[in-house]
Amino acid sequence: MSTQFPNGFLWGTATAAHQVEGGNTSSDLWLMEMMKDSLFAEPSGDACDHYHLYPRDIAMLKQLGFGVYRFSIEWARIEPEEGFFSTAALDHYRRMIACCLAEGIVPMVTFHHFTAPLWFTRDGGWEDAKSVDRFARYCERAGKALGDLIAYTCTINESNIPIMVTMIREAIGIAGGGKREKALAEAARLCGGEAGRFAPYLSGNGHAATPNLIAAHRKSYEVLKPLVNGPVGVTLALNEFQAEEGGEELCKMADQAINGQFLESIKGDDFVGVQTYTRVRLGKGSVLPPPAGAEVTQMNYEFYPEALEATIRQAARISGCPVIVTENGIGTEDDTRRIAYTHRALDGVLRAIRDGIDVRGYIHWSMLDNYEWLEGYRPKFGLVEVDRETQQRKPKPSAYWLGGVAQRNGL
């Protein structure tokens, strides 16, 4: 069987602004990272200083053989206070997108990747219905400033992850009144907010946020479509849900709440971004740990690259949209396992394509070893190592291997 991908297949890597730029001081998570008794292992700090070093990093991507760079623009920099839009921040991102084009790299821009302005999260975040219009207003302003240069647009990164995190918390029996609730209350106090309204994307109430996130994507899609210079879609965190004995009903419910309802809501979009790392096994009333003896990653989930093929098939079947794999990767110190994981994942992509599924690209997570949210800098997802003392970059063997796959357009 052929190991070649279709002509024009997109090959790239990805980052998110807060995880690589550094100094995102107007964001909600900066406050939470700096708090005493923070939920975060360490603060993001200078991160990889990508805010200043992006020309070097984009040139490196080109040299390695990649053709696409997926990155996010930071809402907290662009609108640090409600209604004030920073021309300087928009100009910065315009220079960044132009740098991609000058290097022959296709820019794929995400408008929201987990972090938000502190004012937004202080006032209810995505759990408040005002979030829909607030996000659309930001997208309109940024789209007018940047859209003529953008090749692919992702509105919201993993718009289903708040409900996923909430349901997993409920399934493993984490009760209220714990460290998370105390941290949210303290963050609200520190920023002068009302107790119970401070609602960050990753640690708020996913049930309350979900209808607003679905509506926000729909509205921002309509706002951005005439402003940007290419396809518009959303990215979803899609796990392959598998039921063990007694877990059939829970599996069906979780799959619909976390995957199904979001895929149904995007029918007619230009593409769906599939972001998959592993499978989730469900037993009677609970999320099951990885099987005994299974290899696990630095994130403590199962090494299971075959999940990507399953979620590609599900995404295409339910949404009817063309698929771009906008994230896939592994947190590991052993780069040989990164290559093995990615090879097996790409085997699954090829099988889906051979069966007639319209898969248009593969964007690896991540370009750089970066800030992995609650886990800090410990997990290593990058194709490129970063010395955070000197900010020197060193491509790993996996970067050269995957760059070669991209140049050949085949395994």
Protein backbone atom coordinates (compact mmCIF):
# COMPACT_ATOMS: atom_id res chain seq x y z
CA MET A 1 0.00 0.00 0.00
CA SER A 2 1.12 3.56 -0.74
CA THR A 3 2.76 5.52 2.05
CA GLN A 4 2.26 8.81 0.20
CA PHE A 5 -0.10 11.54 1.37
CA PRO A 6 -2.31 13.51 -1.05
CA ASN A 7 -0.84 16.37 -3.06
CA GLY A 8 -1.10 19.61 -1.12
CA PHE A 9 -1.25 17.87 2.27
CA LEU A 10 -0.39 20.33 5.06
CA TRP A 11 2.58 19.54 7.31
CA GLY A 12 3.35 21.68 10.31
CA THR A 13 3.87 22.17 14.01
CA ALA A 14 1.99 24.23 16.60
CA THR A 15 2.35 26.42 19.66
CA ALA A 16 0.05 28.50 21.88
CA ALA A 17 0.87 32.07 22.82
CA HIS A 18 0.84 31.75 26.62
CA GLN A 19 2.91 28.57 26.51
CA VAL A 20 5.79 30.07 24.52
CA GLU A 21 5.69 33.87 24.45
CA GLY A 22 6.35 34.77 28.09
CA GLY A 23 5.24 37.81 30.07
CA ASN A 24 1.50 37.46 29.42
CA THR A 25 0.78 39.65 32.43
CA SER A 26 -2.75 40.78 31.53
CA SER A 27 -4.08 37.23 31.36
CA ASP A 28 -6.10 35.30 33.90
CA LEU A 29 -3.57 32.49 34.23
CA TRP A 30 -0.67 34.85 35.00
CA LEU A 31 -2.49 35.84 38.17
CA MET A 32 -3.24 32.22 39.06
CA GLU A 33 0.34 31.08 38.41
CA MET A 34 1.77 33.78 40.66
CA MET A 35 -0.56 33.15 43.61
CA LYS A 36 0.58 31.64 46.87
CA ASP A 37 -0.60 27.99 46.93
CA SER A 38 -1.04 28.09 43.15
CA LEU A 39 -2.58 25.16 41.31
CA PHE A 40 0.31 25.48 38.85
CA ALA A 41 3.60 23.65 39.39
CA GLU A 42 5.48 26.84 38.47
CA PRO A 43 4.80 30.17 36.72
CA SER A 44 5.18 30.58 32.96
CA GLY A 45 7.56 33.54 33.39
CA ASP A 46 9.57 34.26 30.25
CA ALA A 47 8.49 30.92 28.73
CA CYS A 48 10.48 30.43 25.49
CA ASP A 49 10.55 34.18 24.76
CA HIS A 50 8.87 33.40 21.44
CA TYR A 51 7.32 36.88 21.56
CA HIS A 52 10.76 38.22 20.60
CA LEU A 53 12.40 35.15 19.04
CA TYR A 54 9.63 34.20 16.60
CA PRO A 55 11.66 35.16 13.46
CA ARG A 56 14.35 32.64 14.44
CA ASP A 57 11.78 29.95 15.26
CA ILE A 58 9.83 30.40 12.02
CA ALA A 59 13.04 30.26 9.99
CA MET A 60 13.96 27.06 11.85
CA LEU A 61 10.61 25.49 10.89
CA LYS A 62 11.32 26.23 7.25
CA GLN A 63 14.80 24.75 7.48
CA LEU A 64 13.42 21.58 9.06
CA GLY A 65 11.04 21.09 6.14
CA PHE A 66 7.66 22.14 7.52
CA GLY A 67 5.19 24.21 5.54
CA VAL A 68 2.63 25.29 8.18
CA TYR A 69 2.88 27.03 11.53
CA ARG A 70 -0.19 26.99 13.76
CA PHE A 71 0.02 29.55 16.56
CA SER A 72 -2.33 31.68 18.61
CA ILE A 73 -2.73 35.40 19.02
CA GLU A 74 -3.22 36.45 22.63
CA TRP A 75 -6.54 38.10 23.48
CA ALA A 76 -5.13 39.39 26.79
CA ARG A 77 -2.45 41.35 24.93
CA ILE A 78 -4.83 42.64 22.25
CA GLU A 79 -7.65 43.68 24.63
CA PRO A 80 -5.99 43.97 28.07
CA GLU A 81 -8.93 45.98 29.40
CA GLU A 82 -12.45 45.69 28.09
CA GLY A 83 -12.93 47.93 25.07
CA PHE A 84 -9.25 48.95 24.79
CA PHE A 85 -7.58 47.32 21.80
CA SER A 86 -3.80 47.59 21.62
CA THR A 87 -2.60 48.68 18.19
CA ALA A 88 0.93 47.72 19.26
CA ALA A 89 -0.13 44.13 20.02
CA LEU A 90 -2.02 43.81 16.74
CA ASP A 91 0.97 45.20 14.85
CA HIS A 92 3.18 42.64 16.56
CA TYR A 93 1.00 39.76 15.39
CA ARG A 94 0.77 41.24 11.92
CA ARG A 95 4.59 41.23 11.74
CA MET A 96 4.59 37.64 12.98
CA ILE A 97 2.14 36.48 10.30
CA ALA A 98 4.07 38.40 7.65
CA CYS A 99 7.25 36.66 8.82
CA CYS A 100 5.61 33.30 8.13
CA LEU A 101 4.64 34.37 4.63
CA ALA A 102 8.14 35.72 3.93
CA GLU A 103 9.61 32.32 4.89
CA GLY A 104 7.10 30.46 2.72
CA ILE A 105 5.27 29.14 5.81
CA VAL A 106 1.47 28.95 5.80
CA PRO A 107 0.11 30.79 8.88
CA MET A 108 -2.71 29.01 10.73
CA VAL A 109 -3.94 31.39 13.43
CA THR A 110 -5.96 30.48 16.54
CA PHE A 111 -7.90 33.36 18.11
CA HIS A 112 -8.36 31.82 21.58
CA HIS A 113 -6.10 29.18 23.13
CA PHE A 114 -7.15 28.69 26.78
CA THR A 115 -6.02 32.04 28.21
CA ALA A 116 -8.23 35.14 28.34
CA PRO A 117 -7.95 38.71 29.59
CA LEU A 118 -8.17 38.95 33.35
CA TRP A 119 -11.18 41.30 33.09
CA PHE A 120 -13.07 38.68 31.06
CA THR A 121 -12.48 35.81 33.49
CA ARG A 122 -13.10 38.03 36.52
CA ASP A 123 -16.58 38.78 35.12
CA GLY A 124 -17.71 35.18 34.63
CA GLY A 125 -15.60 34.15 31.64
CA TRP A 126 -17.29 31.71 29.28
CA GLU A 127 -19.92 30.89 31.89
CA ASP A 128 -21.57 34.27 31.32
CA ALA A 129 -23.74 34.73 28.22
CA LYS A 130 -21.99 38.05 27.53
CA SER A 131 -18.92 36.03 26.52
CA VAL A 132 -20.41 35.34 23.09
CA ASP A 133 -20.59 38.99 22.04
CA ARG A 134 -17.34 39.86 23.82
CA PHE A 135 -15.44 37.21 21.89
CA ALA A 136 -17.08 38.15 18.59
CA ARG A 137 -16.10 41.81 19.14
CA TYR A 138 -12.47 40.80 19.74
CA CYS A 139 -12.49 38.54 16.66
CA GLU A 140 -13.89 41.34 14.52
CA ARG A 141 -11.22 43.81 15.63
CA ALA A 142 -8.36 41.32 15.25
CA GLY A 143 -9.79 39.96 11.99
CA LYS A 144 -9.88 43.45 10.45
CA ALA A 145 -6.27 44.05 11.49
CA LEU A 146 -4.82 40.68 10.49
CA GLY A 147 -7.26 38.76 8.33
CA ASP A 148 -5.88 39.63 4.90
CA LEU A 149 -2.66 37.75 5.81
CA ILE A 150 -4.20 34.70 7.53
CA ALA A 151 -4.34 31.47 5.52
CA TYR A 152 -6.26 29.26 8.00
CA THR A 153 -8.29 30.40 11.01
CA CYS A 154 -9.16 28.45 14.17
CA THR A 155 -11.68 30.33 16.29
CA ILE A 156 -11.38 28.55 19.66
CA ASN A 157 -8.87 25.92 20.66
CA GLU A 158 -10.57 22.81 22.05
CA SER A 159 -13.93 24.43 22.73
CA ASN A 160 -15.07 21.15 24.28
CA ILE A 161 -12.30 20.86 26.86
CA PRO A 162 -14.12 22.71 29.69
CA ILE A 163 -16.91 20.11 29.66
CA MET A 164 -14.34 17.30 29.32
CA VAL A 165 -12.36 18.49 32.35
CA THR A 166 -15.54 19.01 34.38
CA MET A 167 -16.96 15.57 33.57
CA ILE A 168 -13.68 13.81 34.32
CA ARG A 169 -13.56 15.65 37.66
CA GLU A 170 -17.09 14.44 38.39
CA ALA A 171 -16.38 10.87 37.21
CA ILE A 172 -13.38 10.44 39.49
CA GLY A 173 -15.31 11.88 42.42
CA ILE A 174 -13.56 15.18 43.12
CA ALA A 175 -15.93 17.00 45.49
CA GLY A 176 -16.36 20.72 45.92
CA GLY A 177 -14.48 22.72 48.53
CA GLY A 178 -11.07 21.46 47.48
CA LYS A 179 -7.88 23.16 46.35
CA ARG A 180 -9.35 24.23 43.01
CA GLU A 181 -12.30 26.05 44.60
CA LYS A 182 -10.04 27.76 47.15
CA ALA A 183 -7.69 28.90 44.36
CA LEU A 184 -10.56 30.35 42.33
CA ALA A 185 -11.88 32.21 45.38
CA GLU A 186 -8.43 33.61 46.15
CA ALA A 187 -7.92 34.68 42.51
CA ALA A 188 -11.27 36.49 42.60
CA ARG A 189 -10.22 38.29 45.78
CA LEU A 190 -6.84 39.31 44.38
CA CYS A 191 -8.29 40.86 41.24
CA GLY A 192 -11.20 42.54 42.96
CA GLY A 193 -13.75 40.15 41.55
CA GLU A 194 -16.89 38.67 43.01
CA ALA A 195 -16.54 35.28 44.73
CA GLY A 196 -17.96 32.55 42.53
CA ARG A 197 -17.65 34.50 39.26
CA PHE A 198 -13.95 34.04 38.52
CA ALA A 199 -14.15 31.33 35.83
CA PRO A 200 -10.96 30.30 33.97
CA TYR A 201 -11.31 28.18 30.86
CA LEU A 202 -9.61 25.06 32.20
CA SER A 203 -10.91 25.06 35.77
CA GLY A 204 -14.39 26.53 35.64
CA ASN A 205 -17.82 24.91 35.19
CA GLY A 206 -17.87 23.21 31.79
CA HIS A 207 -21.62 22.61 31.92
CA ALA A 208 -22.25 26.36 32.15
CA ALA A 209 -19.60 27.28 29.57
CA THR A 210 -20.55 24.78 26.85
CA PRO A 211 -23.61 26.52 25.30
CA ASN A 212 -21.73 29.83 25.22
CA LEU A 213 -18.65 28.27 23.62
CA ILE A 214 -20.76 26.64 20.91
CA ALA A 215 -22.57 29.95 20.29
CA ALA A 216 -19.29 31.90 20.35
CA HIS A 217 -17.78 29.71 17.66
CA ARG A 218 -20.85 30.10 15.49
CA LYS A 219 -20.89 33.89 15.86
CA SER A 220 -17.12 34.32 15.44
CA TYR A 221 -17.20 32.07 12.36
CA GLU A 222 -19.71 34.43 10.75
CA VAL A 223 -17.71 37.49 11.84
CA LEU A 224 -14.35 36.18 10.64
CA LYS A 225 -15.39 34.51 7.41
CA PRO A 226 -15.49 37.75 5.33
CA LEU A 227 -12.40 39.17 7.07
CA VAL A 228 -9.83 36.40 6.69
CA ASN A 229 -8.14 35.05 3.61
CA GLY A 230 -8.92 31.34 3.90
CA PRO A 231 -10.86 28.54 5.60
CA VAL A 232 -12.32 28.97 9.10
CA GLY A 233 -12.94 26.19 11.62
CA VAL A 234 -12.71 25.20 15.27
CA THR A 235 -10.42 22.69 16.98
CA LEU A 236 -11.74 19.99 19.31
CA ALA A 237 -10.06 17.80 21.92
CA LEU A 238 -11.29 14.41 20.74
CA ASN A 239 -10.49 11.32 22.77
CA GLU A 240 -11.40 7.85 21.62
CA PHE A 241 -13.88 6.74 24.28
CA GLN A 242 -13.90 2.99 24.89
CA ALA A 243 -16.30 1.15 27.20
CA GLU A 244 -15.14 -1.68 29.41
CA GLU A 245 -17.66 -4.01 31.05
CA GLY A 246 -20.34 -1.98 32.82
CA GLY A 247 -19.21 1.30 31.28
CA GLU A 248 -21.39 1.30 28.18
CA GLU A 249 -23.90 3.92 29.33
CA LEU A 250 -21.25 6.25 30.76
CA CYS A 251 -19.23 5.90 27.57
CA LYS A 252 -22.22 6.78 25.40
CA MET A 253 -23.05 9.81 27.56
CA ALA A 254 -19.46 11.06 27.68
CA ASP A 255 -18.95 10.61 23.95
CA GLN A 256 -22.06 12.63 23.14
CA ALA A 257 -21.40 15.38 25.69
CA ILE A 258 -17.70 15.80 24.90
CA ASN A 259 -17.39 14.86 21.23
CA GLY A 260 -20.81 14.47 19.64
CA GLN A 261 -22.63 17.70 20.45
CA PHE A 262 -19.69 19.82 19.33
CA LEU A 263 -19.22 17.90 16.09
CA GLU A 264 -22.92 18.24 15.34
CA SER A 265 -22.75 22.01 15.92
CA ILE A 266 -20.11 22.65 13.23
CA LYS A 267 -21.77 21.07 10.20
CA GLY A 268 -21.06 23.28 7.22
CA ASP A 269 -17.79 24.70 8.55
CA ASP A 270 -14.74 24.83 6.30
CA PHE A 271 -12.84 22.25 8.37
CA VAL A 272 -12.67 20.67 11.80
CA GLY A 273 -9.40 20.58 13.71
CA VAL A 274 -8.92 17.17 15.35
CA GLN A 275 -6.67 17.13 18.44
CA THR A 276 -6.07 13.68 19.87
CA TYR A 277 -3.49 12.18 22.21
CA THR A 278 -4.91 8.96 23.65
CA ARG A 279 -7.99 6.91 24.41
CA VAL A 280 -10.20 7.10 27.50
CA ARG A 281 -11.48 3.83 28.99
CA LEU A 282 -14.69 3.97 30.99
CA GLY A 283 -16.00 1.43 33.46
CA LYS A 284 -19.11 1.44 35.60
CA GLY A 285 -19.38 5.02 36.81
CA SER A 286 -15.70 5.86 36.48
CA VAL A 287 -12.74 6.70 34.29
CA LEU A 288 -10.36 3.72 34.30
CA PRO A 289 -6.58 4.01 34.59
CA PRO A 290 -4.36 2.70 31.78
CA PRO A 291 -4.27 -1.11 31.60
CA ALA A 292 -1.73 -2.85 33.80
CA GLY A 293 1.67 -2.80 32.16
CA ALA A 294 0.69 -0.18 29.54
CA GLU A 295 3.24 2.45 28.60
CA VAL A 296 2.28 5.88 29.93
CA THR A 297 3.50 9.33 28.95
CA GLN A 298 4.75 12.17 31.14
CA MET A 299 1.12 13.29 31.35
CA ASN A 300 0.22 9.90 32.88
CA TYR A 301 -2.04 8.88 30.05
CA GLU A 302 -1.69 5.81 27.90
CA PHE A 303 0.70 5.70 24.94
CA TYR A 304 -2.02 4.99 22.37
CA PRO A 305 -1.46 6.70 19.00
CA GLU A 306 -4.15 4.61 17.32
CA ALA A 307 -6.77 6.87 18.92
CA LEU A 308 -6.12 9.48 16.22
CA GLU A 309 -7.49 7.34 13.43
CA ALA A 310 -10.66 6.67 15.42
CA THR A 311 -11.32 10.34 16.14
CA ILE A 312 -10.63 11.38 12.54
CA ARG A 313 -13.27 8.91 11.41
CA GLN A 314 -15.75 10.10 14.04
CA ALA A 315 -15.16 13.78 13.26
CA ALA A 316 -15.67 13.29 9.54
CA ARG A 317 -18.74 11.10 10.00
CA ILE A 318 -20.61 13.41 12.38
CA SER A 319 -19.55 16.87 11.19
CA GLY A 320 -19.24 16.16 7.48
CA CYS A 321 -16.30 18.62 7.46
CA PRO A 322 -12.85 18.14 5.96
CA VAL A 323 -10.39 17.20 8.73
CA ILE A 324 -7.08 18.80 9.65
CA VAL A 325 -5.16 17.20 12.50
CA THR A 326 -4.30 20.41 14.33
CA GLU A 327 -2.61 18.72 17.33
CA ASN A 328 -1.12 15.30 17.98
CA GLY A 329 1.95 14.44 19.98
CA ILE A 330 3.40 13.03 23.17
CA GLY A 331 5.04 14.26 26.36
CA THR A 332 8.24 12.26 26.77
CA GLU A 333 11.95 12.63 27.49
CA ASP A 334 12.63 9.67 25.13
CA ASP A 335 12.60 11.09 21.63
CA THR A 336 12.62 7.61 20.07
CA ARG A 337 9.16 7.12 21.57
CA ARG A 338 8.01 10.41 20.00
CA ILE A 339 9.05 9.11 16.59
CA ALA A 340 7.37 5.74 17.22
CA TYR A 341 4.17 7.42 18.43
CA THR A 342 4.01 9.80 15.48
CA HIS A 343 4.73 7.08 12.93
CA ARG A 344 1.89 4.94 14.26
CA ALA A 345 -0.45 7.94 14.36
CA LEU A 346 0.39 8.78 10.74
CA ASP A 347 -0.22 5.16 9.72
CA GLY A 348 -3.75 5.69 11.02
CA VAL A 349 -4.12 8.96 9.10
CA LEU A 350 -3.15 7.13 5.90
CA ARG A 351 -5.69 4.37 6.54
CA ALA A 352 -8.42 6.99 6.94
CA ILE A 353 -7.37 8.71 3.70
CA ARG A 354 -7.33 5.40 1.82
CA ASP A 355 -10.92 4.88 2.95
CA GLY A 356 -11.92 8.15 1.33
CA ILE A 357 -11.92 10.47 4.35
CA ASP A 358 -10.95 14.04 3.46
CA VAL A 359 -7.93 14.64 5.71
CA ARG A 360 -6.00 17.71 4.63
CA GLY A 361 -3.11 18.06 7.03
CA TYR A 362 -1.14 17.01 10.10
CA ILE A 363 0.10 19.64 12.59
CA HIS A 364 2.32 18.19 15.32
CA TRP A 365 2.17 19.37 18.93
CA SER A 366 4.50 20.96 19.70
CA MET A 367 7.25 22.90 18.00
CA LEU A 368 9.04 23.71 21.28
CA ASP A 369 9.36 22.20 24.72
CA ASN A 370 7.08 24.70 26.43
CA TYR A 371 4.85 25.53 29.39
CA GLU A 372 2.36 22.71 29.92
CA TRP A 373 -0.20 24.55 32.05
CA LEU A 374 -0.63 22.98 35.53
CA GLU A 375 2.36 20.72 34.94
CA GLY A 376 4.81 23.56 34.30
CA TYR A 377 7.87 22.86 32.17
CA ARG A 378 8.34 19.20 33.15
CA PRO A 379 6.52 17.45 30.25
CA LYS A 380 8.45 17.59 26.98
CA PHE A 381 6.16 17.73 23.94
CA GLY A 382 8.52 19.62 21.66
CA LEU A 383 10.25 18.62 18.47
CA VAL A 384 12.80 21.21 19.54
CA GLU A 385 14.56 21.38 22.91
CA VAL A 386 14.77 24.78 24.63
CA ASP A 387 17.44 25.81 27.10
CA ARG A 388 15.42 28.30 29.12
CA GLU A 389 18.51 29.86 30.68
CA THR A 390 19.95 30.85 27.29
CA GLN A 391 16.82 30.41 25.10
CA GLN A 392 18.91 28.35 22.69
CA ARG A 393 16.97 25.93 20.46
CA LYS A 394 18.15 22.45 19.56
CA PRO A 395 16.07 20.34 17.16
CA LYS A 396 15.64 16.75 18.30
CA PRO A 397 15.97 13.72 16.00
CA SER A 398 12.15 13.68 15.81
CA ALA A 399 12.20 17.16 14.26
CA TYR A 400 14.49 16.03 11.45
CA TRP A 401 12.53 12.79 11.02
CA LEU A 402 9.12 14.48 10.76
CA GLY A 403 10.54 17.29 8.64
CA GLY A 404 11.78 14.61 6.25
CA VAL A 405 8.33 13.01 6.16
CA ALA A 406 6.91 16.44 5.31
CA GLN A 407 9.42 17.03 2.51
CA ARG A 408 8.72 13.60 0.99
CA ASN A 409 4.99 13.95 1.71
CA GLY A 410 5.12 10.32 2.75
CA LEU A 411 6.28 7.82 5.36
